[in-house]
Each structure stands twice: as C-alpha cells, then as structure tokens.
Amino acid sequence: MIARFRLQRFIDSGIVTLLMTVFCGTWSARAQDSTLRFGGQIPPEVDTIYERGLAWLATAQAPDGSWKGNYEGCGVTGICLMAFLASGEDPNYGHYAPTIRRAIRSIITQQDEKTGYLPNSMYHHGFGMLALSEAYGSVDESLIWQGEKPVRSIAQTLDLAIRCAATAQKKNKWGGWRYSPDATDADTSVTGAVLMGLLAARNAGMDVSDDSISTAMEFMRRSTGSDGSVAYSGGFGAMGGSMNLTAVACLVGAVSKSKGTDQYKASLKRLTDNLDTPANGNYAEYFRYYMAQALFQGDYAAWQKWNGAKVRELRDMQKDDGSFAGGSYQTGMSLLALGLNYRFLPIYER
C-alpha cells in the first residue's frame, strides 16, 4: 500500500530532477544531488518490512492515541508517529490518517499546560518535540479534534515545549539536559534527544534561542574526545564512550551545521571506521536509529553500505506479526532506522 502522499512525493521528486537537468546542465552531477535528497528506488524488502511494521503499530495503538508497553510516554508516541510519517503516509486522507491524528492528539493532551513538559522524561520531551515538528505543516489541524474541543494547536504545543527545554537547561551547570526537567546535571543521550527536538522545531519555523542550541552543543563538544568517543556525563573521560553516544553527537553536529569542528570530524571517522559494530543489548534499536541518520548526514556512501546490511538484518529480526521484539518502542525505532530510504521527514534531508 502506497498512500497518495507517498505517490505524490515520488512524482514531485521526478519533476525536480527533470527541472534541475534542464536548467542546471550536467545530468550526472544533478542526478546524484537529487538522489541524495529524494532517494532512488526503494528496495522491495524495505517496503515489505515497513508495511508489516505499520500494520502492527496501527493495531497496537491505544484508544487514547498512545502506545503502551515497557516504554511509554510522549517520546514513544512520537517515535511511532514518525514511523508513519517517515514513509510518506498521508496524515489527512491516507489509510493511517486516523492513527496519525490520534497520536498527535495524544502528545498534545499529555503536555503539562503550565510548564510545557511532555512526559515521562526529558528524553520523551525531546522525541515528542521532534515528532510534532515533523508533523507541523503537513497536518490539517481541524481534523485532529473532530468532535472534540481543541486543547491547543501544534504550534502552541511546540512553543510551550521549547520554553520548557530552555527553563530546564538553565537549571544545570552543564548546559544540557537530564531525565527530569528539574535536574541539575546533564548527559549526552538526553541532551542529544532534546537538541534534535529543538533543531527540528527551529527548522519548522518555531522561535528557538540560538543561545540554547549553542550552549548545548558546547556541552556535546566538551564531551567528545579527539578519537570521536563521547562521554555519557560530566565531560569527556568521566563515563561512557559507547558507539551509541558517538552516533548521537555526530548527528546533532551535522544538523546544527557544525561539520567543520574537530569533534564532528572525529566522531564521523569513528563511525565510518566501525561500520560493522553490532547493535546488541538493550540499546540496539537506539543505536540503529542514530547510526542511520549520522551516517546519512555525514557520509552517504558509508550509509548506503550500512543500510544494505541493516535491511537484511531487520528483515530477519521482524516477527511474523510485523513487530520487532513485540514492543511499540522497538518497532517504531526499527522502522525509523530504515526511514531514510524514503526521505519524507524534513529532519532526514541533507
């Protein structure tokens, strides 16, 4: 099943390629640019994995629009929401439009209207912001509240969430974020999640303080060693150093337009030198999600190689019912690790 929105994007990308050829000359160079942005032919295995995964997520969604399980909150709802948007599902008239609208409504209604907090942690807050930023502008908001009184718009929700992140950031000396909005310390994992939410909101046209971005990026830079390894908290050498954190730091470096820094170059090199690193343990989905985006933003050829291997890996991991590990979080993250094959989300653009 390919929704109208997905089909239109394929048509639009073809038109863009043709216009670039006519007006810009040199077919080979321009075709490569278009492929980077819009993608080429989608591997049939990706479509199959995605369609089975989305079908399972649709049936697993709770009546309130959220997804329950071992992990739940605005962040998990946002991850599952982005899985639908990432493959181009139409949020207004497509097959999964009701699923998408319920998810958006769930994130908005769960927000603390006084503080702007998207529970159940600042990790969830970051992913909730990211998801709403990606949905903003593509959804007819009058359809979200059919039969109900609107709580607030997506823009109003994002504005409150941005303010919450800024307030929380000022409470700790590190300039980043930790799990609680009242925390006085920070770690690179949560900081990366909130940064991506803020960067996506800024890309969507929301007012995000440059100081908030630069202060958080300085924390990420201080936490990155000359070899590209990244500490979990407290500055480089204190804790951590996993490839997961290197992927997070590399991604925020690329999206924040910091590719010229020594830290970014070191983190990208560490990733490209270790493409065969297995995604094991409790953070496997997290690693694949961030690795896909970091490589795509930093080294397209490396991403192509890595992506081909992950398509086969995830094909073999997917359960008969379409889920991954039987969980909503695991299924949403696994699908998003392949979402760059489609290139529909603004945050996925190079």
Protein backbone atom coordinates (compact mmCIF):
# COMPACT_ATOMS: atom_id res chain seq x y z
CA MET A 1 0.00 0.00 0.00
CA ILE A 2 1.35 3.38 -1.06
CA ALA A 3 -0.67 6.34 0.19
CA ARG A 4 -1.46 9.32 -2.02
CA PHE A 5 1.13 11.46 -0.23
CA ARG A 6 3.89 8.91 -0.88
CA LEU A 7 2.99 8.63 -4.55
CA GLN A 8 2.91 12.40 -4.96
CA ARG A 9 6.39 12.71 -3.43
CA PHE A 10 7.78 10.24 -5.96
CA ILE A 11 6.15 12.27 -8.75
CA ASP A 12 7.44 15.55 -7.32
CA SER A 13 10.98 14.22 -6.99
CA GLY A 14 10.95 13.18 -10.62
CA ILE A 15 9.81 16.64 -11.67
CA VAL A 16 12.54 18.24 -9.57
CA THR A 17 15.17 16.03 -11.19
CA LEU A 18 13.94 16.93 -14.67
CA LEU A 19 13.91 20.67 -13.93
CA MET A 20 17.39 20.52 -12.44
CA THR A 21 18.61 18.79 -15.58
CA VAL A 22 17.03 21.31 -17.95
CA PHE A 23 18.10 24.45 -16.09
CA CYS A 24 21.34 23.40 -14.41
CA GLY A 25 23.06 21.26 -17.03
CA THR A 26 25.35 18.29 -16.23
CA TRP A 27 22.98 15.39 -15.81
CA SER A 28 25.24 13.15 -13.77
CA ALA A 29 26.05 15.67 -11.03
CA ARG A 30 22.47 16.88 -10.70
CA ALA A 31 21.03 13.38 -10.69
CA GLN A 32 23.34 12.49 -7.83
CA ASP A 33 22.17 15.56 -5.86
CA SER A 34 18.54 14.62 -6.41
CA THR A 35 19.17 11.05 -5.30
CA LEU A 36 20.77 12.27 -2.09
CA ARG A 37 17.76 14.36 -1.24
CA PHE A 38 14.84 12.37 -2.61
CA GLY A 39 16.27 8.86 -2.74
CA GLY A 40 16.34 6.35 -5.53
CA GLN A 41 14.36 3.18 -5.98
CA ILE A 42 13.13 1.81 -2.65
CA PRO A 43 14.34 -1.77 -2.06
CA PRO A 44 11.25 -4.04 -2.08
CA GLU A 45 12.35 -5.52 1.24
CA VAL A 46 12.13 -2.09 2.87
CA ASP A 47 8.56 -1.60 1.69
CA THR A 48 7.62 -5.05 2.96
CA ILE A 49 9.22 -4.53 6.36
CA TYR A 50 7.63 -1.11 6.66
CA GLU A 51 4.13 -2.12 5.63
CA ARG A 52 4.09 -5.05 8.06
CA GLY A 53 5.50 -2.90 10.84
CA LEU A 54 2.99 -0.08 10.34
CA ALA A 55 0.11 -2.54 10.25
CA TRP A 56 1.21 -3.90 13.65
CA LEU A 57 1.67 -0.41 15.13
CA ALA A 58 -1.82 0.60 13.99
CA THR A 59 -3.38 -2.35 15.81
CA ALA A 60 -1.21 -1.80 18.91
CA GLN A 61 -2.20 1.86 19.35
CA ALA A 62 -4.24 2.53 22.49
CA PRO A 63 -7.63 4.28 22.20
CA ASP A 64 -6.09 7.49 23.59
CA GLY A 65 -3.61 7.57 20.70
CA SER A 66 -0.54 6.48 22.66
CA TRP A 67 1.42 3.24 22.56
CA LYS A 68 1.79 1.22 25.76
CA GLY A 69 4.41 -1.29 26.89
CA ASN A 70 7.66 -1.44 28.82
CA TYR A 71 8.45 2.01 27.43
CA GLU A 72 5.66 4.55 27.13
CA GLY A 73 5.17 8.30 27.14
CA CYS A 74 5.17 11.19 24.69
CA GLY A 75 8.53 10.10 23.29
CA VAL A 76 7.39 6.60 22.35
CA THR A 77 4.18 8.01 20.90
CA GLY A 78 6.32 10.44 18.92
CA ILE A 79 8.62 7.67 17.67
CA CYS A 80 5.65 5.61 16.45
CA LEU A 81 4.07 8.71 14.91
CA MET A 82 7.27 9.46 12.99
CA ALA A 83 7.41 5.87 11.72
CA PHE A 84 4.16 6.56 9.82
CA LEU A 85 5.23 9.99 8.59
CA ALA A 86 8.70 8.78 7.57
CA SER A 87 7.38 6.56 4.80
CA GLY A 88 5.06 9.27 3.48
CA GLU A 89 1.74 8.17 4.95
CA ASP A 90 -0.80 10.92 4.35
CA PRO A 91 -1.85 12.40 7.72
CA ASN A 92 -5.08 13.82 6.33
CA TYR A 93 -6.62 11.34 3.92
CA GLY A 94 -4.40 8.25 3.89
CA HIS A 95 -5.11 4.77 5.20
CA TYR A 96 -3.39 5.54 8.50
CA ALA A 97 -4.57 9.16 8.83
CA PRO A 98 -6.78 8.40 11.88
CA THR A 99 -3.82 6.64 13.56
CA ILE A 100 -1.55 9.63 12.91
CA ARG A 101 -4.11 12.16 14.15
CA ARG A 102 -4.79 10.20 17.34
CA ALA A 103 -1.04 10.13 18.06
CA ILE A 104 -0.72 13.89 17.59
CA ARG A 105 -3.73 14.48 19.80
CA SER A 106 -2.25 12.20 22.46
CA ILE A 107 1.04 14.14 22.65
CA ILE A 108 -0.78 17.47 22.86
CA THR A 109 -3.20 16.37 25.57
CA GLN A 110 -0.43 14.81 27.69
CA GLN A 111 1.52 18.07 27.83
CA ASP A 112 1.59 19.97 31.13
CA GLU A 113 -0.16 23.17 30.12
CA LYS A 114 1.69 25.22 32.75
CA THR A 115 5.29 24.03 32.27
CA GLY A 116 5.12 22.76 28.68
CA TYR A 117 6.62 19.42 29.77
CA LEU A 118 5.98 16.36 27.59
CA PRO A 119 6.24 13.39 29.99
CA ASN A 120 7.56 10.92 31.08
CA SER A 121 11.11 12.34 30.98
CA MET A 122 13.15 14.93 29.09
CA TYR A 123 14.08 12.07 26.76
CA HIS A 124 10.38 11.75 25.92
CA HIS A 125 10.15 15.53 25.78
CA GLY A 126 12.81 15.67 23.07
CA PHE A 127 11.24 12.98 20.91
CA GLY A 128 7.78 14.49 21.43
CA MET A 129 9.05 17.85 20.17
CA LEU A 130 10.76 16.17 17.23
CA ALA A 131 7.62 14.32 16.19
CA LEU A 132 5.34 17.36 16.43
CA SER A 133 7.88 19.44 14.49
CA GLU A 134 7.90 16.86 11.70
CA ALA A 135 4.09 16.77 11.63
CA TYR A 136 3.72 20.55 11.78
CA GLY A 137 2.61 22.00 8.47
CA SER A 138 1.63 18.66 6.92
CA VAL A 139 -1.48 18.05 9.02
CA ASP A 140 -4.86 19.72 8.67
CA GLU A 141 -5.31 20.54 12.33
CA SER A 142 -9.07 20.89 12.02
CA LEU A 143 -9.16 17.12 11.50
CA ILE A 144 -7.24 16.36 14.72
CA TRP A 145 -10.05 17.47 17.01
CA GLN A 146 -13.12 16.20 15.15
CA GLY A 147 -15.94 16.03 17.68
CA GLU A 148 -13.74 17.46 20.44
CA LYS A 149 -12.81 20.90 21.69
CA PRO A 150 -9.19 21.67 20.67
CA VAL A 151 -6.73 21.70 23.57
CA ARG A 152 -4.10 23.74 21.72
CA SER A 153 -2.50 23.87 18.28
CA ILE A 154 0.71 22.09 17.33
CA ALA A 155 2.50 25.45 17.19
CA GLN A 156 1.26 26.38 20.68
CA THR A 157 2.34 22.97 21.99
CA LEU A 158 5.78 23.34 20.46
CA ASP A 159 6.19 26.85 21.81
CA LEU A 160 5.45 25.63 25.34
CA ALA A 161 7.78 22.66 24.88
CA ILE A 162 10.62 24.90 23.67
CA ARG A 163 10.19 27.14 26.71
CA CYS A 164 10.23 24.11 29.00
CA ALA A 165 13.50 22.92 27.46
CA ALA A 166 15.06 26.37 27.87
CA THR A 167 13.95 26.60 31.51
CA ALA A 168 15.29 23.12 32.28
CA GLN A 169 18.60 23.90 30.59
CA LYS A 170 19.19 26.93 32.80
CA LYS A 171 18.89 24.79 35.93
CA ASN A 172 22.10 22.81 35.38
CA LYS A 173 25.67 23.98 35.15
CA TRP A 174 26.49 21.74 32.18
CA GLY A 175 24.16 23.45 29.71
CA GLY A 176 22.41 20.26 28.65
CA TRP A 177 19.58 18.10 29.95
CA ARG A 178 18.98 15.08 32.15
CA TYR A 179 15.84 12.96 32.65
CA SER A 180 13.99 15.41 34.92
CA PRO A 181 13.21 18.98 33.84
CA ASP A 182 14.43 19.99 37.31
CA ALA A 183 17.75 18.11 37.10
CA THR A 184 20.96 19.98 37.84
CA ASP A 185 23.17 17.68 35.75
CA ALA A 186 23.18 16.53 32.14
CA ASP A 187 24.06 13.58 29.93
CA THR A 188 24.81 13.37 26.21
CA SER A 189 21.99 10.92 25.43
CA VAL A 190 19.15 13.04 26.79
CA THR A 191 20.85 16.23 25.56
CA GLY A 192 21.02 14.75 22.06
CA ALA A 193 17.30 13.92 22.12
CA VAL A 194 16.28 17.39 23.30
CA LEU A 195 18.68 19.05 20.84
CA MET A 196 17.14 17.16 17.93
CA GLY A 197 13.70 18.27 19.07
CA LEU A 198 14.81 21.91 19.25
CA LEU A 199 16.64 21.76 15.91
CA ALA A 200 13.58 20.24 14.24
CA ALA A 201 11.35 22.91 15.78
CA ARG A 202 13.67 25.62 14.50
CA ASN A 203 13.64 24.05 11.04
CA ALA A 204 9.84 24.09 11.19
CA GLY A 205 9.89 27.84 11.75
CA MET A 206 9.47 27.98 15.52
CA ASP A 207 11.36 30.51 17.63
CA VAL A 208 14.26 28.66 19.24
CA SER A 209 17.03 30.53 21.05
CA ASP A 210 20.42 30.36 19.36
CA ASP A 211 21.97 30.51 22.82
CA SER A 212 20.10 27.38 23.88
CA ILE A 213 21.41 25.49 20.86
CA SER A 214 24.98 26.76 21.13
CA THR A 215 25.18 26.11 24.88
CA ALA A 216 24.00 22.52 24.44
CA MET A 217 26.37 21.99 21.52
CA GLU A 218 29.24 23.24 23.64
CA PHE A 219 28.38 20.56 26.21
CA MET A 220 28.41 17.95 23.45
CA ARG A 221 31.77 19.23 22.17
CA ARG A 222 33.29 19.16 25.66
CA SER A 223 32.09 15.57 25.99
CA THR A 224 33.74 14.41 22.74
CA GLY A 225 37.32 13.19 22.73
CA SER A 226 39.91 13.58 19.99
CA ASP A 227 39.22 9.99 18.89
CA GLY A 228 35.49 10.67 18.47
CA SER A 229 34.41 8.79 21.59
CA VAL A 230 31.76 10.53 23.68
CA ALA A 231 31.31 10.55 27.44
CA TYR A 232 27.90 9.88 28.93
CA SER A 233 28.03 12.66 31.52
CA GLY A 234 30.34 15.01 33.33
CA GLY A 235 32.67 15.77 30.43
CA PHE A 236 34.96 13.53 28.41
CA GLY A 237 36.57 10.69 30.31
CA ALA A 238 34.03 10.63 33.11
CA MET A 239 31.64 7.92 31.89
CA GLY A 240 30.59 6.10 28.75
CA GLY A 241 32.27 6.17 25.38
CA SER A 242 29.84 3.87 23.53
CA MET A 243 29.31 3.98 19.76
CA ASN A 244 25.69 4.90 20.52
CA LEU A 245 26.78 8.22 22.01
CA THR A 246 29.22 8.88 19.18
CA ALA A 247 26.32 8.49 16.73
CA VAL A 248 24.17 10.91 18.75
CA ALA A 249 26.95 13.53 18.90
CA CYS A 250 27.69 13.12 15.19
CA LEU A 251 24.05 13.60 14.24
CA VAL A 252 23.49 16.77 16.27
CA GLY A 253 26.79 18.09 14.93
CA ALA A 254 25.58 17.64 11.36
CA VAL A 255 22.07 19.02 11.85
CA SER A 256 23.37 22.02 13.82
CA LYS A 257 25.74 22.79 10.92
CA SER A 258 28.88 22.07 12.96
CA LYS A 259 30.57 19.76 10.46
CA GLY A 260 33.69 21.91 10.43
CA THR A 261 34.61 21.20 14.05
CA ASP A 262 37.34 18.75 15.01
CA GLN A 263 34.90 16.93 17.29
CA TYR A 264 32.44 16.31 14.46
CA LYS A 265 35.14 15.04 12.11
CA ALA A 266 36.49 12.72 14.81
CA SER A 267 33.07 11.30 15.65
CA LEU A 268 32.21 10.70 11.99
CA LYS A 269 35.54 8.95 11.43
CA ARG A 270 34.91 6.72 14.43
CA LEU A 271 31.56 5.71 12.97
CA THR A 272 32.79 5.09 9.43
CA ASP A 273 35.78 3.11 10.74
CA ASN A 274 33.42 0.83 12.67
CA LEU A 275 30.52 0.15 10.32
CA ASP A 276 30.42 -3.48 11.40
CA THR A 277 29.75 -2.66 15.05
CA PRO A 278 26.81 -4.90 16.05
CA ALA A 279 23.67 -3.44 17.60
CA ASN A 280 23.44 -5.56 20.72
CA GLY A 281 21.87 -5.35 24.14
CA ASN A 282 19.15 -3.10 25.49
CA TYR A 283 20.08 -0.19 23.25
CA ALA A 284 20.19 -1.93 19.87
CA GLU A 285 17.23 -0.02 18.41
CA TYR A 286 18.60 3.25 19.76
CA PHE A 287 21.96 2.58 18.09
CA ARG A 288 20.49 1.69 14.69
CA TYR A 289 18.24 4.76 14.77
CA TYR A 290 21.05 7.22 15.43
CA MET A 291 23.66 5.42 13.33
CA ALA A 292 21.43 5.57 10.25
CA GLN A 293 20.95 9.32 10.49
CA ALA A 294 24.53 10.16 11.48
CA LEU A 295 25.98 8.22 8.54
CA PHE A 296 23.45 9.61 6.09
CA GLN A 297 24.23 13.18 7.11
CA GLY A 298 27.98 12.64 7.17
CA ASP A 299 28.99 10.01 4.58
CA TYR A 300 26.39 8.93 2.04
CA ALA A 301 28.47 6.04 0.67
CA ALA A 302 29.01 4.69 4.18
CA TRP A 303 25.27 4.96 4.85
CA GLN A 304 24.47 3.00 1.68
CA LYS A 305 26.75 0.17 2.76
CA TRP A 306 25.43 0.18 6.32
CA ASN A 307 21.80 0.47 5.18
CA GLY A 308 22.05 -2.56 2.90
CA ALA A 309 23.28 -4.68 5.78
CA LYS A 310 20.57 -3.39 8.17
CA VAL A 311 17.77 -4.06 5.70
CA ARG A 312 18.75 -7.73 5.70
CA GLU A 313 19.30 -7.77 9.45
CA LEU A 314 15.93 -6.22 10.27
CA ARG A 315 14.13 -8.38 7.73
CA ASP A 316 15.33 -11.45 9.60
CA MET A 317 14.51 -9.93 13.01
CA GLN A 318 10.93 -8.92 12.25
CA LYS A 319 8.33 -11.15 13.89
CA ASP A 320 5.53 -12.84 11.99
CA ASP A 321 3.04 -10.28 13.29
CA GLY A 322 5.14 -7.39 11.91
CA SER A 323 6.55 -6.19 15.23
CA PHE A 324 10.13 -6.11 16.49
CA ALA A 325 10.70 -7.73 19.86
CA GLY A 326 6.94 -7.46 20.41
CA GLY A 327 7.17 -3.83 21.52
CA SER A 328 5.99 -0.46 20.21
CA TYR A 329 9.23 1.34 21.02
CA GLN A 330 11.34 -1.38 19.38
CA THR A 331 9.08 -1.49 16.32
CA GLY A 332 8.96 2.28 15.86
CA MET A 333 12.72 2.70 16.22
CA SER A 334 13.47 -0.24 13.92
CA LEU A 335 11.27 1.22 11.20
CA LEU A 336 12.85 4.65 11.59
CA ALA A 337 16.29 3.09 11.14
CA LEU A 338 15.11 2.34 7.58
CA GLY A 339 13.15 5.57 7.14
CA LEU A 340 15.95 7.31 5.26
CA ASN A 341 15.21 5.09 2.29
CA TYR A 342 12.09 7.26 1.82
CA ARG A 343 13.35 10.79 2.71
CA PHE A 344 9.95 12.24 3.59
CA LEU A 345 10.66 13.75 7.01
CA PRO A 346 12.25 17.23 6.88
CA ILE A 347 14.78 16.21 9.54
CA TYR A 348 16.01 13.46 7.17
CA GLU A 349 17.01 15.95 4.47
CA ARG A 350 20.69 16.64 3.98
